[in-house]
C-alpha atoms as a PDB file:
ATOM      1  CA  UNK A   1     144.845 165.837  23.488  1.00  0.00           C
ATOM      2  CA  UNK A   2     148.414 164.741  24.274  1.00  0.00           C
ATOM      3  CA  UNK A   3     146.850 161.183  24.870  1.00  0.00           C
ATOM      4  CA  UNK A   4     145.155 160.950  21.790  1.00  0.00           C
ATOM      5  CA  UNK A   5     148.406 161.751  19.792  1.00  0.00           C
ATOM      6  CA  UNK A   6     150.079 158.939  22.188  1.00  0.00           C
ATOM      7  CA  UNK A   7     147.307 156.455  21.272  1.00  0.00           C
ATOM      8  CA  UNK A   8     147.907 157.241  17.518  1.00  0.00           C
ATOM      9  CA  UNK A   9     151.423 157.052  17.525  1.00  0.00           C
ATOM     10  CA  UNK A  10     150.766 153.512  19.300  1.00  0.00           C
ATOM     11  CA  UNK A  11     148.434 152.423  16.085  1.00  0.00           C
ATOM     12  CA  UNK A  12     151.038 153.610  13.855  1.00  0.00           C
ATOM     13  CA  UNK A  13     153.854 151.473  15.547  1.00  0.00           C
ATOM     14  CA  UNK A  14     151.562 148.859  15.856  1.00  0.00           C
ATOM     15  CA  UNK A  15     150.864 148.900  12.138  1.00  0.00           C
ATOM     16  CA  UNK A  16     154.323 148.723  11.282  1.00  0.00           C
ATOM     17  CA  UNK A  17     154.832 145.727  13.493  1.00  0.00           C
ATOM     18  CA  UNK A  18     152.008 143.690  12.122  1.00  0.00           C
ATOM     19  CA  UNK A  19     153.376 144.543   8.529  1.00  0.00           C
ATOM     20  CA  UNK A  20     156.802 143.250   9.349  1.00  0.00           C
ATOM     21  CA  UNK A  21     155.638 140.325  10.867  1.00  0.00           C
ATOM     22  CA  UNK A  22     153.323 139.650   7.732  1.00  0.00           C
ATOM     23  CA  UNK A  23     156.025 139.948   5.479  1.00  0.00           C
ATOM     24  CA  UNK A  24     158.063 137.329   6.916  1.00  0.00           C
ATOM     25  CA  UNK A  25     155.286 135.170   6.307  1.00  0.00           C
ATOM     26  CA  UNK A  26     154.452 133.205   3.220  1.00  0.00           C
ATOM     27  CA  UNK A  27     154.214 134.869   0.277  1.00  0.00           C
ATOM     28  CA  UNK A  28     151.476 132.579  -1.355  1.00  0.00           C
ATOM     29  CA  UNK A  29     148.727 130.061   0.272  1.00  0.00           C
ATOM     30  CA  UNK A  30     149.672 126.234   0.858  1.00  0.00           C
ATOM     31  CA  UNK A  31     147.535 125.146  -2.629  1.00  0.00           C
ATOM     32  CA  UNK A  32     150.404 126.847  -4.411  1.00  0.00           C
ATOM     33  CA  UNK A  33     152.777 124.844  -2.681  1.00  0.00           C
ATOM     34  CA  UNK A  34     150.420 121.669  -3.248  1.00  0.00           C
ATOM     35  CA  UNK A  35     150.208 122.490  -6.876  1.00  0.00           C
ATOM     36  CA  UNK A  36     154.292 122.590  -6.946  1.00  0.00           C
ATOM     37  CA  UNK A  37     154.881 119.269  -5.337  1.00  0.00           C
ATOM     38  CA  UNK A  38     152.152 117.592  -7.320  1.00  0.00           C
ATOM     39  CA  UNK A  39     153.551 118.691 -10.895  1.00  0.00           C
ATOM     40  CA  UNK A  40     157.010 118.060  -9.516  1.00  0.00           C
ATOM     41  CA  UNK A  41     156.008 114.440  -9.560  1.00  0.00           C
ATOM     42  CA  UNK A  42     155.181 114.600 -13.077  1.00  0.00           C
ATOM     43  CA  UNK A  43     158.392 115.822 -14.146  1.00  0.00           C
ATOM     44  CA  UNK A  44     162.077 114.878 -14.264  1.00  0.00           C
ATOM     45  CA  UNK A  45     164.274 116.914 -11.415  1.00  0.00           C
ATOM     46  CA  UNK A  46     167.987 117.006 -11.210  1.00  0.00           C
ATOM     47  CA  UNK A  47     170.053 119.123  -8.782  1.00  0.00           C
ATOM     48  CA  UNK A  48     172.453 121.743  -9.033  1.00  0.00           C
ATOM     49  CA  UNK A  49     175.315 119.290  -8.911  1.00  0.00           C
ATOM     50  CA  UNK A  50     173.882 117.070 -11.958  1.00  0.00           C
ATOM     51  CA  UNK A  51     172.955 120.338 -13.936  1.00  0.00           C
ATOM     52  CA  UNK A  52     176.598 121.458 -13.293  1.00  0.00           C
ATOM     53  CA  UNK A  53     177.661 118.627 -15.539  1.00  0.00           C
ATOM     54  CA  UNK A  54     175.197 118.974 -18.471  1.00  0.00           C
ATOM     55  CA  UNK A  55     176.405 123.135 -18.510  1.00  0.00           C
ATOM     56  CA  UNK A  56     180.220 121.763 -18.428  1.00  0.00           C
ATOM     57  CA  UNK A  57     179.186 119.042 -21.237  1.00  0.00           C
ATOM     58  CA  UNK A  58     176.030 120.616 -22.908  1.00  0.00           C
ATOM     59  CA  UNK A  59     176.159 118.707 -26.281  1.00  0.00           C
ATOM     60  CA  UNK A  60     173.360 119.548 -28.302  1.00  0.00           C
ATOM     61  CA  UNK A  61     170.853 120.013 -24.915  1.00  0.00           C
ATOM     62  CA  UNK A  62     169.025 123.332 -24.642  1.00  0.00           C
ATOM     63  CA  UNK A  63     169.301 125.391 -21.109  1.00  0.00           C
ATOM     64  CA  UNK A  64     166.253 127.647 -20.792  1.00  0.00           C
ATOM     65  CA  UNK A  65     166.126 130.295 -17.936  1.00  0.00           C
ATOM     66  CA  UNK A  66     162.272 130.737 -17.439  1.00  0.00           C
ATOM     67  CA  UNK A  67     163.015 133.831 -15.388  1.00  0.00           C
ATOM     68  CA  UNK A  68     161.549 137.209 -16.645  1.00  0.00           C
ATOM     69  CA  UNK A  69     163.811 139.039 -19.103  1.00  0.00           C
ATOM     70  CA  UNK A  70     165.242 141.834 -16.118  1.00  0.00           C
ATOM     71  CA  UNK A  71     166.152 139.065 -13.945  1.00  0.00           C
ATOM     72  CA  UNK A  72     167.750 137.242 -16.634  1.00  0.00           C
ATOM     73  CA  UNK A  73     169.897 140.156 -17.792  1.00  0.00           C
ATOM     74  CA  UNK A  74     171.244 140.485 -14.051  1.00  0.00           C
ATOM     75  CA  UNK A  75     172.915 137.109 -14.470  1.00  0.00           C
ATOM     76  CA  UNK A  76     172.295 133.860 -15.735  1.00  0.00           C
ATOM     77  CA  UNK A  77     173.519 130.116 -16.302  1.00  0.00           C
ATOM     78  CA  UNK A  78     176.157 130.303 -19.051  1.00  0.00           C
ATOM     79  CA  UNK A  79     175.069 129.053 -22.450  1.00  0.00           C
ATOM     80  CA  UNK A  80     171.423 129.826 -21.205  1.00  0.00           C
ATOM     81  CA  UNK A  81     168.730 131.541 -23.346  1.00  0.00           C
ATOM     82  CA  UNK A  82     165.587 133.469 -22.036  1.00  0.00           C
ATOM     83  CA  UNK A  83     162.117 132.160 -22.555  1.00  0.00           C
ATOM     84  CA  UNK A  84     159.910 133.333 -19.640  1.00  0.00           C
ATOM     85  CA  UNK A  85     157.514 130.816 -18.014  1.00  0.00           C
ATOM     86  CA  UNK A  86     154.785 132.757 -19.170  1.00  0.00           C
ATOM     87  CA  UNK A  87     155.382 132.628 -22.965  1.00  0.00           C
ATOM     88  CA  UNK A  88     157.185 129.107 -22.822  1.00  0.00           C
ATOM     89  CA  UNK A  89     154.643 126.994 -24.991  1.00  0.00           C
ATOM     90  CA  UNK A  90     154.119 129.561 -27.350  1.00  0.00           C
ATOM     91  CA  UNK A  91     157.991 130.701 -27.681  1.00  0.00           C
ATOM     92  CA  UNK A  92     159.823 127.177 -27.629  1.00  0.00           C
ATOM     93  CA  UNK A  93     158.698 126.059 -31.059  1.00  0.00           C
ATOM     94  CA  UNK A  94     160.629 128.742 -33.036  1.00  0.00           C
ATOM     95  CA  UNK A  95     163.157 129.933 -30.536  1.00  0.00           C
ATOM     96  CA  UNK A  96     164.711 126.303 -30.324  1.00  0.00           C
ATOM     97  CA  UNK A  97     162.024 123.630 -31.817  1.00  0.00           C
ATOM     98  CA  UNK A  98     162.554 124.168 -35.357  1.00  0.00           C
ATOM     99  CA  UNK A  99     159.103 124.819 -36.008  1.00  0.00           C
ATOM    100  CA  UNK A 100     157.517 124.749 -38.600  1.00  0.00           C
ATOM    101  CA  UNK A 101     160.372 123.343 -40.821  1.00  0.00           C
ATOM    102  CA  UNK A 102     162.043 120.555 -39.030  1.00  0.00           C
ATOM    103  CA  UNK A 103     159.764 120.684 -35.661  1.00  0.00           C
ATOM    104  CA  UNK A 104     161.865 118.410 -32.871  1.00  0.00           C
ATOM    105  CA  UNK A 105     160.086 117.625 -29.766  1.00  0.00           C
ATOM    106  CA  UNK A 106     163.032 115.210 -28.689  1.00  0.00           C
ATOM    107  CA  UNK A 107     165.310 117.931 -27.874  1.00  0.00           C
ATOM    108  CA  UNK A 108     166.988 117.934 -24.491  1.00  0.00           C
ATOM    109  CA  UNK A 109     165.730 120.640 -22.446  1.00  0.00           C
ATOM    110  CA  UNK A 110     166.669 121.738 -18.830  1.00  0.00           C
ATOM    111  CA  UNK A 111     164.596 124.597 -17.443  1.00  0.00           C
ATOM    112  CA  UNK A 112     165.963 126.605 -14.502  1.00  0.00           C
ATOM    113  CA  UNK A 113     164.682 129.582 -12.475  1.00  0.00           C
ATOM    114  CA  UNK A 114     165.543 131.634  -9.581  1.00  0.00           C
ATOM    115  CA  UNK A 115     164.315 129.004  -6.838  1.00  0.00           C
ATOM    116  CA  UNK A 116     163.262 125.970  -9.177  1.00  0.00           C
ATOM    117  CA  UNK A 117     159.341 126.455  -8.804  1.00  0.00           C
ATOM    118  CA  UNK A 118     159.076 128.101 -12.158  1.00  0.00           C
ATOM    119  CA  UNK A 119     161.296 125.300 -13.751  1.00  0.00           C
ATOM    120  CA  UNK A 120     159.380 122.428 -12.485  1.00  0.00           C
ATOM    121  CA  UNK A 121     155.946 124.273 -13.757  1.00  0.00           C
ATOM    122  CA  UNK A 122     157.528 125.321 -17.078  1.00  0.00           C
ATOM    123  CA  UNK A 123     158.925 121.682 -17.637  1.00  0.00           C
ATOM    124  CA  UNK A 124     155.144 120.306 -16.881  1.00  0.00           C
ATOM    125  CA  UNK A 125     153.974 123.084 -19.612  1.00  0.00           C
ATOM    126  CA  UNK A 126     156.495 121.942 -22.192  1.00  0.00           C
ATOM    127  CA  UNK A 127     155.452 118.087 -21.550  1.00  0.00           C
ATOM    128  CA  UNK A 128     152.153 118.987 -22.031  1.00  0.00           C
ATOM    129  CA  UNK A 129     152.313 120.734 -25.672  1.00  0.00           C
ATOM    130  CA  UNK A 130     154.436 117.443 -26.576  1.00  0.00           C
ATOM    131  CA  UNK A 131     158.201 117.635 -25.524  1.00  0.00           C
ATOM    132  CA  UNK A 132     159.490 114.829 -24.482  1.00  0.00           C
ATOM    133  CA  UNK A 133     163.061 114.776 -22.954  1.00  0.00           C
ATOM    134  CA  UNK A 134     162.392 117.956 -20.738  1.00  0.00           C
ATOM    135  CA  UNK A 135     164.186 118.248 -17.303  1.00  0.00           C
ATOM    136  CA  UNK A 136     163.611 120.823 -14.214  1.00  0.00           C
ATOM    137  CA  UNK A 137     166.397 122.193 -12.192  1.00  0.00           C
ATOM    138  CA  UNK A 138     165.553 122.275  -9.036  1.00  0.00           C
ATOM    139  CA  UNK A 139     168.380 124.732  -7.172  1.00  0.00           C
ATOM    140  CA  UNK A 140     168.461 128.153  -6.060  1.00  0.00           C
ATOM    141  CA  UNK A 141     170.543 130.183  -8.789  1.00  0.00           C
ATOM    142  CA  UNK A 142     172.154 132.267  -5.624  1.00  0.00           C
ATOM    143  CA  UNK A 143     173.746 128.985  -4.665  1.00  0.00           C
ATOM    144  CA  UNK A 144     174.638 128.474  -8.133  1.00  0.00           C
ATOM    145  CA  UNK A 145     176.805 131.815  -7.852  1.00  0.00           C
ATOM    146  CA  UNK A 146     177.845 131.206  -4.525  1.00  0.00           C
ATOM    147  CA  UNK A 147     179.190 127.822  -5.808  1.00  0.00           C
ATOM    148  CA  UNK A 148     181.378 129.962  -8.067  1.00  0.00           C
ATOM    149  CA  UNK A 149     179.748 128.147 -11.242  1.00  0.00           C
ATOM    150  CA  UNK A 150     179.551 130.224 -14.432  1.00  0.00           C
ATOM    151  CA  UNK A 151     177.019 133.240 -14.595  1.00  0.00           C
ATOM    152  CA  UNK A 152     176.959 135.325 -17.579  1.00  0.00           C
ATOM    153  CA  UNK A 153     175.511 138.971 -18.041  1.00  0.00           C
END
């Protein structure tokens, strides 16, 4: 009986070990990274330093945080509005593009997210629906905060 308990305990330990190792691995299959790399070639991309210059001198540019609303509420780049990636093609029109009265698809739009992936995919989606001046920011928002750049809540 004791032997069975030891074997059962060993299986539990092994299961936790396998789960821990598996959780450190990739969160998605390689084809997601391949799609992201392909899309990245089709959009204009800037880094954090270039983006900081835009934020400091925004002019008529529109900065869009494409994270989910709860992520946005936790802190966002100063002056950014929230339009989640999953709704961008639909919400952009009334939120910033002036639809239906004075639709402007030439707006200077900058998209960013937590690590850059959603920003790039959103930039491509906005291009696909007719926006002509979209730039994705390839940065980690955590690096933005570490650099001491402005975060609003």
